[in-house]
C-alpha atoms as a PDB file:
ATOM      1  CA  UNK A   1      89.746 -26.570 128.173  1.00  0.00           C
ATOM      2  CA  UNK A   2      86.871 -24.249 129.250  1.00  0.00           C
ATOM      3  CA  UNK A   3      87.432 -20.796 130.589  1.00  0.00           C
ATOM      4  CA  UNK A   4      85.451 -19.278 133.412  1.00  0.00           C
ATOM      5  CA  UNK A   5      85.369 -15.629 134.058  1.00  0.00           C
ATOM      6  CA  UNK A   6      83.801 -14.165 137.204  1.00  0.00           C
ATOM      7  CA  UNK A   7      82.799 -10.514 136.800  1.00  0.00           C
ATOM      8  CA  UNK A   8      81.788  -8.564 139.810  1.00  0.00           C
ATOM      9  CA  UNK A   9      79.617  -5.526 139.030  1.00  0.00           C
ATOM     10  CA  UNK A  10      79.369  -3.114 142.024  1.00  0.00           C
ATOM     11  CA  UNK A  11      77.396   0.095 142.197  1.00  0.00           C
ATOM     12  CA  UNK A  12      75.194   2.099 144.597  1.00  0.00           C
ATOM     13  CA  UNK A  13      71.462   2.141 145.484  1.00  0.00           C
ATOM     14  CA  UNK A  14      70.706  -1.145 143.735  1.00  0.00           C
ATOM     15  CA  UNK A  15      72.393  -0.121 140.326  1.00  0.00           C
ATOM     16  CA  UNK A  16      74.123  -3.481 139.929  1.00  0.00           C
ATOM     17  CA  UNK A  17      70.855  -5.463 140.206  1.00  0.00           C
ATOM     18  CA  UNK A  18      69.087  -3.002 137.768  1.00  0.00           C
ATOM     19  CA  UNK A  19      72.011  -3.500 135.395  1.00  0.00           C
ATOM     20  CA  UNK A  20      71.517  -7.341 135.495  1.00  0.00           C
ATOM     21  CA  UNK A  21      67.764  -6.924 135.124  1.00  0.00           C
ATOM     22  CA  UNK A  22      68.185  -4.715 132.120  1.00  0.00           C
ATOM     23  CA  UNK A  23      70.828  -7.168 130.535  1.00  0.00           C
ATOM     24  CA  UNK A  24      68.091  -9.887 130.737  1.00  0.00           C
ATOM     25  CA  UNK A  25      65.108  -7.740 129.602  1.00  0.00           C
ATOM     26  CA  UNK A  26      66.928  -6.248 126.675  1.00  0.00           C
ATOM     27  CA  UNK A  27      67.575  -9.764 125.375  1.00  0.00           C
ATOM     28  CA  UNK A  28      71.458  -9.290 125.634  1.00  0.00           C
ATOM     29  CA  UNK A  29      71.757 -12.306 127.964  1.00  0.00           C
ATOM     30  CA  UNK A  30      69.810 -14.535 125.505  1.00  0.00           C
ATOM     31  CA  UNK A  31      72.001 -13.410 122.582  1.00  0.00           C
ATOM     32  CA  UNK A  32      75.181 -14.084 124.530  1.00  0.00           C
ATOM     33  CA  UNK A  33      73.995 -17.593 125.691  1.00  0.00           C
ATOM     34  CA  UNK A  34      73.320 -18.425 122.037  1.00  0.00           C
ATOM     35  CA  UNK A  35      76.858 -17.604 120.842  1.00  0.00           C
ATOM     36  CA  UNK A  36      78.936 -20.423 119.631  1.00  0.00           C
ATOM     37  CA  UNK A  37      81.018 -21.723 122.562  1.00  0.00           C
ATOM     38  CA  UNK A  38      79.088 -20.144 125.402  1.00  0.00           C
ATOM     39  CA  UNK A  39      78.627 -22.715 128.202  1.00  0.00           C
ATOM     40  CA  UNK A  40      77.211 -20.475 130.944  1.00  0.00           C
ATOM     41  CA  UNK A  41      76.002 -17.008 131.578  1.00  0.00           C
ATOM     42  CA  UNK A  42      74.364 -16.429 134.861  1.00  0.00           C
ATOM     43  CA  UNK A  43      73.983 -13.622 137.408  1.00  0.00           C
ATOM     44  CA  UNK A  44      74.197 -14.283 141.208  1.00  0.00           C
ATOM     45  CA  UNK A  45      73.630 -11.854 144.168  1.00  0.00           C
ATOM     46  CA  UNK A  46      75.977 -12.216 146.935  1.00  0.00           C
ATOM     47  CA  UNK A  47      74.138 -12.380 150.378  1.00  0.00           C
ATOM     48  CA  UNK A  48      76.677 -10.228 152.236  1.00  0.00           C
ATOM     49  CA  UNK A  49      76.977  -7.502 149.515  1.00  0.00           C
ATOM     50  CA  UNK A  50      73.586  -6.171 148.179  1.00  0.00           C
ATOM     51  CA  UNK A  51      75.372  -3.675 145.922  1.00  0.00           C
ATOM     52  CA  UNK A  52      77.313  -6.336 143.952  1.00  0.00           C
ATOM     53  CA  UNK A  53      76.174  -8.740 141.200  1.00  0.00           C
ATOM     54  CA  UNK A  54      78.360 -11.765 140.275  1.00  0.00           C
ATOM     55  CA  UNK A  55      78.261 -12.871 136.619  1.00  0.00           C
ATOM     56  CA  UNK A  56      79.564 -16.253 135.841  1.00  0.00           C
ATOM     57  CA  UNK A  57      80.667 -16.428 132.278  1.00  0.00           C
ATOM     58  CA  UNK A  58      81.969 -19.726 130.876  1.00  0.00           C
ATOM     59  CA  UNK A  59      83.381 -20.360 127.389  1.00  0.00           C
ATOM     60  CA  UNK A  60      84.443 -23.506 125.583  1.00  0.00           C
ATOM     61  CA  UNK A  61      87.924 -22.044 124.769  1.00  0.00           C
ATOM     62  CA  UNK A  62      89.885 -18.852 124.290  1.00  0.00           C
ATOM     63  CA  UNK A  63      88.797 -18.593 120.631  1.00  0.00           C
ATOM     64  CA  UNK A  64      85.105 -18.481 121.623  1.00  0.00           C
ATOM     65  CA  UNK A  65      85.817 -15.929 124.254  1.00  0.00           C
ATOM     66  CA  UNK A  66      87.852 -13.808 121.886  1.00  0.00           C
ATOM     67  CA  UNK A  67      85.041 -13.879 119.342  1.00  0.00           C
ATOM     68  CA  UNK A  68      82.634 -12.772 122.008  1.00  0.00           C
ATOM     69  CA  UNK A  69      84.792  -9.870 122.919  1.00  0.00           C
ATOM     70  CA  UNK A  70      84.718  -8.687 119.354  1.00  0.00           C
ATOM     71  CA  UNK A  71      80.945  -8.717 118.953  1.00  0.00           C
ATOM     72  CA  UNK A  72      78.876  -5.537 118.922  1.00  0.00           C
ATOM     73  CA  UNK A  73      77.215  -6.763 122.212  1.00  0.00           C
ATOM     74  CA  UNK A  74      80.400  -5.701 124.069  1.00  0.00           C
ATOM     75  CA  UNK A  75      79.675  -2.130 123.420  1.00  0.00           C
ATOM     76  CA  UNK A  76      76.096  -2.481 124.554  1.00  0.00           C
ATOM     77  CA  UNK A  77      77.252  -4.097 127.805  1.00  0.00           C
ATOM     78  CA  UNK A  78      79.867  -1.257 128.411  1.00  0.00           C
ATOM     79  CA  UNK A  79      77.103   1.357 127.677  1.00  0.00           C
ATOM     80  CA  UNK A  80      74.928  -0.284 130.282  1.00  0.00           C
ATOM     81  CA  UNK A  81      77.797  -0.530 132.783  1.00  0.00           C
ATOM     82  CA  UNK A  82      78.402   3.237 132.324  1.00  0.00           C
ATOM     83  CA  UNK A  83      74.668   4.007 132.482  1.00  0.00           C
ATOM     84  CA  UNK A  84      74.614   2.428 136.002  1.00  0.00           C
ATOM     85  CA  UNK A  85      77.911   3.772 137.007  1.00  0.00           C
ATOM     86  CA  UNK A  86      79.337   0.312 137.915  1.00  0.00           C
ATOM     87  CA  UNK A  87      82.854  -0.697 138.916  1.00  0.00           C
ATOM     88  CA  UNK A  88      84.084  -3.993 137.569  1.00  0.00           C
ATOM     89  CA  UNK A  89      86.422  -6.545 138.980  1.00  0.00           C
ATOM     90  CA  UNK A  90      87.357  -9.672 137.096  1.00  0.00           C
ATOM     91  CA  UNK A  91      88.620 -13.168 137.957  1.00  0.00           C
ATOM     92  CA  UNK A  92      89.679 -15.840 135.378  1.00  0.00           C
ATOM     93  CA  UNK A  93      89.980 -19.531 135.824  1.00  0.00           C
ATOM     94  CA  UNK A  94      90.797 -22.416 133.289  1.00  0.00           C
ATOM     95  CA  UNK A  95      90.104 -25.953 133.754  1.00  0.00           C
ATOM     96  CA  UNK A  96      93.009 -28.136 134.826  1.00  0.00           C
ATOM     97  CA  UNK A  97      94.159 -30.533 131.890  1.00  0.00           C
ATOM     98  CA  UNK A  98      92.806 -33.934 132.164  1.00  0.00           C
END
């Protein structure tokens, strides 16, 4: 049962896009994608809201997501979010049982 988490990062004056760009250029995105159980980690830019970035984050199961949340990368992500003064909204979805 996979878990998908949609994270909406919203800022001002292009801050959300710069956050996503720094996540990629710093190598954090590649590190997260390489984690055991990560199935997807991609940024999208809503056409109707230029100040928001959507991250679609998908994990194999809750154990993989819990492990990710305990890694040192989470502190780095939080520091970048603070650096760019972003607000965060989260949606969580699980696959329906087969």
